[in-house]
Amino acid sequence: MGNRRKLSWTIEFSSNEYKILKDSFYIENRKNLVCLICTNEKLNDSYLVVLSYEDAMKCLESSTSSGRRITVTRTGAEHNFICYGAGSAKQRTEIKCPVDPAKTLGITEEELVLNG
């Protein structure tokens, strides 16, 4: 059946960080992206999760007593991360985000390596 290991990260956003995103981050007529760096404790296995500003804000629209967050998961060798915010499974919007950030950025993997 293969490796179906589930990876999961939770990125917490303070009230101030959310306020900055909501009130002063967005620039008209630009491609606004929120990039999350997800890694393991040893920092030797990292992923760049690239969300559109709109998708990131959908994830952050709900909060709990502990604040706002974006949870990122990947099961096995899936081609997408699943991103979602606080709230129950019935309420939340799940956003699919390609594991390959070049797809989200609209560039080839070679351009990402050469320019990154």
N, C-alpha and C. Protein backbone atom coordinates (compact mmCIF):
# COMPACT_ATOMS: atom_id res chain seq x y z
N MET A 1 0.82 -1.20 0.00
CA MET A 1 0.00 0.00 0.00
C MET A 1 0.86 1.26 0.00
N GLY A 2 2.12 1.18 0.35
CA GLY A 2 2.99 2.35 0.30
C GLY A 2 2.99 3.12 1.60
N ASN A 3 3.72 4.19 1.59
CA ASN A 3 3.88 5.02 2.78
C ASN A 3 2.71 6.00 2.90
N ARG A 4 1.86 5.82 3.89
CA ARG A 4 0.71 6.71 4.09
C ARG A 4 0.90 7.57 5.34
N ARG A 5 2.15 7.84 5.66
CA ARG A 5 2.48 8.65 6.83
C ARG A 5 1.84 10.03 6.68
N LYS A 6 1.26 10.53 7.75
CA LYS A 6 0.61 11.84 7.71
C LYS A 6 1.54 12.87 8.37
N LEU A 7 1.81 13.92 7.62
CA LEU A 7 2.58 15.04 8.14
C LEU A 7 1.60 16.15 8.50
N SER A 8 1.89 16.88 9.56
CA SER A 8 0.98 17.94 9.98
C SER A 8 1.77 19.05 10.69
N TRP A 9 1.41 20.30 10.37
CA TRP A 9 1.99 21.46 11.01
C TRP A 9 0.87 22.42 11.35
N THR A 10 1.00 23.12 12.47
CA THR A 10 0.04 24.16 12.84
C THR A 10 0.79 25.46 13.03
N ILE A 11 0.42 26.46 12.27
CA ILE A 11 1.07 27.76 12.33
C ILE A 11 0.11 28.73 13.01
N GLU A 12 0.51 29.22 14.17
CA GLU A 12 -0.31 30.14 14.95
C GLU A 12 -0.08 31.58 14.48
N PHE A 13 -1.13 32.38 14.45
CA PHE A 13 -1.04 33.79 14.10
C PHE A 13 -1.54 34.61 15.28
N SER A 14 -0.70 35.51 15.76
CA SER A 14 -1.11 36.39 16.86
C SER A 14 -2.14 37.38 16.34
N SER A 15 -2.81 38.06 17.24
CA SER A 15 -3.79 39.08 16.86
C SER A 15 -3.12 40.16 16.02
N ASN A 16 -1.90 40.54 16.41
CA ASN A 16 -1.17 41.58 15.67
C ASN A 16 -0.79 41.10 14.27
N GLU A 17 -0.34 39.87 14.13
CA GLU A 17 0.02 39.33 12.82
C GLU A 17 -1.21 39.28 11.90
N TYR A 18 -2.33 38.86 12.45
CA TYR A 18 -3.56 38.82 11.66
C TYR A 18 -3.97 40.23 11.24
N LYS A 19 -3.87 41.18 12.15
CA LYS A 19 -4.23 42.57 11.84
C LYS A 19 -3.36 43.11 10.71
N ILE A 20 -2.07 42.81 10.73
CA ILE A 20 -1.16 43.25 9.66
C ILE A 20 -1.59 42.64 8.33
N LEU A 21 -1.86 41.33 8.32
CA LEU A 21 -2.31 40.67 7.09
C LEU A 21 -3.62 41.29 6.59
N LYS A 22 -4.53 41.52 7.50
CA LYS A 22 -5.87 42.00 7.12
C LYS A 22 -5.85 43.46 6.67
N ASP A 23 -5.06 44.29 7.35
CA ASP A 23 -5.15 45.74 7.14
C ASP A 23 -4.06 46.35 6.26
N SER A 24 -2.88 45.75 6.20
CA SER A 24 -1.81 46.46 5.48
C SER A 24 -0.92 45.57 4.60
N PHE A 25 -1.22 44.32 4.48
CA PHE A 25 -0.37 43.41 3.70
C PHE A 25 -0.70 43.45 2.20
N TYR A 26 -1.97 43.46 1.88
CA TYR A 26 -2.45 43.32 0.51
C TYR A 26 -2.09 44.53 -0.35
N ILE A 27 -1.55 44.28 -1.55
CA ILE A 27 -1.23 45.35 -2.50
C ILE A 27 -2.05 45.12 -3.76
N GLU A 28 -2.83 46.14 -4.14
CA GLU A 28 -3.68 46.07 -5.34
C GLU A 28 -2.85 45.76 -6.58
N ASN A 29 -3.45 45.03 -7.51
CA ASN A 29 -2.85 44.71 -8.81
C ASN A 29 -1.53 43.95 -8.70
N ARG A 30 -1.34 43.22 -7.61
CA ARG A 30 -0.17 42.37 -7.43
C ARG A 30 -0.64 40.98 -7.05
N LYS A 31 0.22 40.00 -7.29
CA LYS A 31 -0.07 38.64 -6.84
C LYS A 31 0.37 38.55 -5.39
N ASN A 32 -0.58 38.56 -4.48
CA ASN A 32 -0.30 38.52 -3.04
C ASN A 32 -0.31 37.08 -2.56
N LEU A 33 0.80 36.67 -1.96
CA LEU A 33 0.96 35.29 -1.50
C LEU A 33 1.37 35.26 -0.04
N VAL A 34 0.94 34.22 0.65
CA VAL A 34 1.38 33.96 2.01
C VAL A 34 2.14 32.64 1.95
N CYS A 35 3.40 32.66 2.36
CA CYS A 35 4.25 31.48 2.30
C CYS A 35 4.53 30.98 3.70
N LEU A 36 4.30 29.71 3.92
CA LEU A 36 4.54 29.07 5.21
C LEU A 36 5.68 28.08 5.04
N ILE A 37 6.65 28.12 5.93
CA ILE A 37 7.74 27.15 5.89
C ILE A 37 7.44 26.10 6.95
N CYS A 38 7.26 24.87 6.48
CA CYS A 38 6.92 23.76 7.37
C CYS A 38 8.10 22.79 7.40
N THR A 39 8.56 22.47 8.59
CA THR A 39 9.74 21.62 8.71
C THR A 39 9.61 20.68 9.91
N ASN A 40 10.55 19.76 10.01
CA ASN A 40 10.57 18.86 11.17
C ASN A 40 11.49 19.43 12.24
N GLU A 41 11.57 18.75 13.39
CA GLU A 41 12.37 19.26 14.50
C GLU A 41 13.85 19.37 14.16
N LYS A 42 14.37 18.48 13.33
CA LYS A 42 15.78 18.51 12.96
C LYS A 42 16.08 19.52 11.85
N LEU A 43 15.04 20.11 11.29
CA LEU A 43 15.14 21.09 10.20
C LEU A 43 15.79 20.52 8.93
N ASN A 44 15.69 19.21 8.76
CA ASN A 44 16.30 18.59 7.57
C ASN A 44 15.26 18.13 6.55
N ASP A 45 14.01 18.39 6.80
CA ASP A 45 12.93 18.02 5.88
C ASP A 45 11.93 19.18 5.89
N SER A 46 12.04 20.08 4.91
CA SER A 46 11.24 21.30 4.90
C SER A 46 10.41 21.42 3.63
N TYR A 47 9.28 22.09 3.77
CA TYR A 47 8.38 22.34 2.64
C TYR A 47 7.99 23.81 2.64
N LEU A 48 7.87 24.37 1.45
CA LEU A 48 7.38 25.72 1.29
C LEU A 48 5.92 25.60 0.83
N VAL A 49 5.00 26.07 1.66
CA VAL A 49 3.58 26.00 1.35
C VAL A 49 3.16 27.41 0.93
N VAL A 50 2.73 27.54 -0.33
CA VAL A 50 2.40 28.85 -0.89
C VAL A 50 0.89 28.94 -1.09
N LEU A 51 0.28 29.88 -0.38
CA LEU A 51 -1.16 30.12 -0.47
C LEU A 51 -1.42 31.49 -1.07
N SER A 52 -2.47 31.60 -1.85
CA SER A 52 -2.89 32.93 -2.28
C SER A 52 -3.33 33.69 -1.03
N TYR A 53 -3.25 34.99 -1.08
CA TYR A 53 -3.70 35.82 0.04
C TYR A 53 -5.15 35.49 0.41
N GLU A 54 -5.99 35.34 -0.62
CA GLU A 54 -7.41 35.07 -0.39
C GLU A 54 -7.61 33.73 0.33
N ASP A 55 -6.87 32.71 -0.10
CA ASP A 55 -6.99 31.40 0.56
C ASP A 55 -6.48 31.45 2.00
N ALA A 56 -5.37 32.15 2.22
CA ALA A 56 -4.85 32.27 3.58
C ALA A 56 -5.86 32.96 4.48
N MET A 57 -6.50 34.01 3.97
CA MET A 57 -7.48 34.74 4.78
C MET A 57 -8.73 33.90 5.04
N LYS A 58 -9.11 33.03 4.09
CA LYS A 58 -10.22 32.10 4.33
C LYS A 58 -9.89 31.19 5.51
N CYS A 59 -8.64 30.71 5.54
CA CYS A 59 -8.22 29.84 6.65
C CYS A 59 -8.21 30.60 7.97
N LEU A 60 -7.89 31.87 7.94
CA LEU A 60 -7.74 32.65 9.17
C LEU A 60 -9.01 33.36 9.62
N GLU A 61 -10.12 33.24 8.86
CA GLU A 61 -11.32 33.99 9.22
C GLU A 61 -11.94 33.54 10.54
N SER A 62 -11.78 32.28 10.91
CA SER A 62 -12.32 31.79 12.19
C SER A 62 -11.22 31.76 13.24
N SER A 63 -11.60 32.04 14.46
CA SER A 63 -10.62 31.97 15.55
C SER A 63 -11.24 31.20 16.71
N THR A 64 -10.38 30.76 17.59
CA THR A 64 -10.81 30.09 18.82
C THR A 64 -10.24 30.89 19.98
N SER A 65 -10.45 30.43 21.19
CA SER A 65 -9.92 31.14 22.35
C SER A 65 -8.39 31.19 22.30
N SER A 66 -7.77 30.25 21.60
CA SER A 66 -6.30 30.25 21.50
C SER A 66 -5.80 31.07 20.32
N GLY A 67 -6.70 31.63 19.51
CA GLY A 67 -6.30 32.50 18.42
C GLY A 67 -6.60 31.92 17.05
N ARG A 68 -5.89 32.44 16.07
CA ARG A 68 -6.07 32.01 14.68
C ARG A 68 -4.89 31.15 14.28
N ARG A 69 -5.17 30.22 13.35
CA ARG A 69 -4.10 29.33 12.91
C ARG A 69 -4.40 28.78 11.53
N ILE A 70 -3.34 28.32 10.88
CA ILE A 70 -3.47 27.55 9.66
C ILE A 70 -2.81 26.21 9.92
N THR A 71 -3.58 25.15 9.71
CA THR A 71 -3.04 23.79 9.83
C THR A 71 -2.78 23.28 8.43
N VAL A 72 -1.61 22.68 8.24
CA VAL A 72 -1.19 22.13 6.95
C VAL A 72 -0.98 20.64 7.14
N THR A 73 -1.59 19.81 6.29
CA THR A 73 -1.39 18.37 6.37
C THR A 73 -1.04 17.80 4.99
N ARG A 74 -0.36 16.67 5.03
CA ARG A 74 -0.07 15.91 3.80
C ARG A 74 -0.02 14.45 4.20
N THR A 75 -0.72 13.62 3.45
CA THR A 75 -0.74 12.19 3.73
C THR A 75 0.02 11.46 2.63
N GLY A 76 1.01 10.68 3.03
CA GLY A 76 1.78 9.89 2.08
C GLY A 76 2.42 10.75 1.01
N ALA A 77 2.29 10.33 -0.23
CA ALA A 77 2.90 11.03 -1.36
C ALA A 77 1.88 11.88 -2.12
N GLU A 78 0.84 12.33 -1.44
CA GLU A 78 -0.17 13.17 -2.07
C GLU A 78 0.50 14.35 -2.76
N HIS A 79 -0.08 14.82 -3.86
CA HIS A 79 0.48 15.94 -4.62
C HIS A 79 0.08 17.29 -4.05
N ASN A 80 -0.84 17.29 -3.08
CA ASN A 80 -1.33 18.54 -2.48
C ASN A 80 -1.22 18.50 -0.97
N PHE A 81 -0.98 19.68 -0.40
CA PHE A 81 -1.18 19.88 1.03
C PHE A 81 -2.64 20.24 1.21
N ILE A 82 -3.20 19.96 2.36
CA ILE A 82 -4.53 20.43 2.73
C ILE A 82 -4.32 21.47 3.83
N CYS A 83 -4.85 22.67 3.62
CA CYS A 83 -4.70 23.76 4.58
C CYS A 83 -6.08 24.17 5.08
N TYR A 84 -6.18 24.42 6.38
CA TYR A 84 -7.45 24.86 6.95
C TYR A 84 -7.19 25.62 8.24
N GLY A 85 -8.19 26.37 8.66
CA GLY A 85 -8.07 27.18 9.86
C GLY A 85 -8.75 26.56 11.06
N ALA A 86 -9.01 27.40 12.05
CA ALA A 86 -9.67 26.96 13.28
C ALA A 86 -11.13 26.63 13.00
N GLY A 87 -11.74 25.92 13.90
CA GLY A 87 -13.16 25.59 13.76
C GLY A 87 -13.36 24.11 13.54
N SER A 88 -14.60 23.69 13.62
CA SER A 88 -14.91 22.27 13.47
C SER A 88 -14.74 21.83 12.02
N ALA A 89 -14.61 20.55 11.79
CA ALA A 89 -14.41 20.01 10.45
C ALA A 89 -15.58 20.38 9.53
N LYS A 90 -16.79 20.48 10.09
CA LYS A 90 -17.96 20.84 9.28
C LYS A 90 -17.92 22.30 8.84
N GLN A 91 -17.35 23.17 9.67
CA GLN A 91 -17.36 24.61 9.40
C GLN A 91 -16.20 25.06 8.52
N ARG A 92 -15.09 24.39 8.60
CA ARG A 92 -13.88 24.91 7.96
C ARG A 92 -13.83 24.66 6.46
N THR A 93 -13.13 25.55 5.80
CA THR A 93 -12.87 25.43 4.38
C THR A 93 -11.49 24.82 4.21
N GLU A 94 -11.41 23.72 3.47
CA GLU A 94 -10.12 23.09 3.22
C GLU A 94 -9.60 23.57 1.87
N ILE A 95 -8.37 24.05 1.87
CA ILE A 95 -7.73 24.57 0.67
C ILE A 95 -6.67 23.57 0.22
N LYS A 96 -6.73 23.17 -1.05
CA LYS A 96 -5.68 22.32 -1.60
C LYS A 96 -4.58 23.20 -2.15
N CYS A 97 -3.34 22.84 -1.83
CA CYS A 97 -2.19 23.63 -2.23
C CYS A 97 -1.12 22.67 -2.75
N PRO A 98 -0.63 22.84 -3.98
CA PRO A 98 0.36 21.90 -4.53
C PRO A 98 1.61 21.79 -3.67
N VAL A 99 2.12 20.56 -3.53
CA VAL A 99 3.36 20.34 -2.80
C VAL A 99 4.51 21.03 -3.54
N ASP A 100 4.44 21.07 -4.86
CA ASP A 100 5.46 21.74 -5.67
C ASP A 100 5.11 23.23 -5.73
N PRO A 101 5.85 24.11 -5.01
CA PRO A 101 5.49 25.53 -4.99
C PRO A 101 5.60 26.20 -6.36
N ALA A 102 6.38 25.62 -7.27
CA ALA A 102 6.51 26.21 -8.60
C ALA A 102 5.16 26.27 -9.31
N LYS A 103 4.29 25.29 -9.06
CA LYS A 103 2.95 25.29 -9.68
C LYS A 103 2.13 26.47 -9.20
N THR A 104 2.18 26.76 -7.92
CA THR A 104 1.44 27.89 -7.37
C THR A 104 2.01 29.21 -7.88
N LEU A 105 3.32 29.27 -8.01
CA LEU A 105 3.98 30.50 -8.44
C LEU A 105 3.91 30.71 -9.95
N GLY A 106 3.50 29.68 -10.70
CA GLY A 106 3.40 29.80 -12.15
C GLY A 106 4.74 29.78 -12.85
N ILE A 107 5.71 29.08 -12.26
CA ILE A 107 7.02 28.96 -12.87
C ILE A 107 7.42 27.50 -12.92
N THR A 108 8.47 27.21 -13.68
CA THR A 108 8.96 25.83 -13.73
C THR A 108 9.85 25.56 -12.53
N GLU A 109 10.03 24.28 -12.22
CA GLU A 109 10.90 23.90 -11.11
C GLU A 109 12.33 24.39 -11.37
N GLU A 110 12.76 24.37 -12.64
CA GLU A 110 14.11 24.84 -12.99
C GLU A 110 14.28 26.32 -12.67
N GLU A 111 13.26 27.13 -12.96
CA GLU A 111 13.32 28.56 -12.65
C GLU A 111 13.39 28.78 -11.15
N LEU A 112 12.66 27.96 -10.38
CA LEU A 112 12.66 28.07 -8.93
C LEU A 112 14.05 27.80 -8.39
N VAL A 113 14.72 26.77 -8.90
CA VAL A 113 16.07 26.42 -8.45
C VAL A 113 17.07 27.49 -8.88
N LEU A 114 16.99 27.95 -10.12
CA LEU A 114 17.94 28.94 -10.63
C LEU A 114 17.78 30.29 -9.94
N ASN A 115 16.56 30.69 -9.68
CA ASN A 115 16.31 32.01 -9.10
C ASN A 115 16.18 31.99 -7.60
N GLY A 116 15.95 30.81 -7.02
CA GLY A 116 15.73 30.72 -5.58
C GLY A 116 17.00 30.69 -4.86
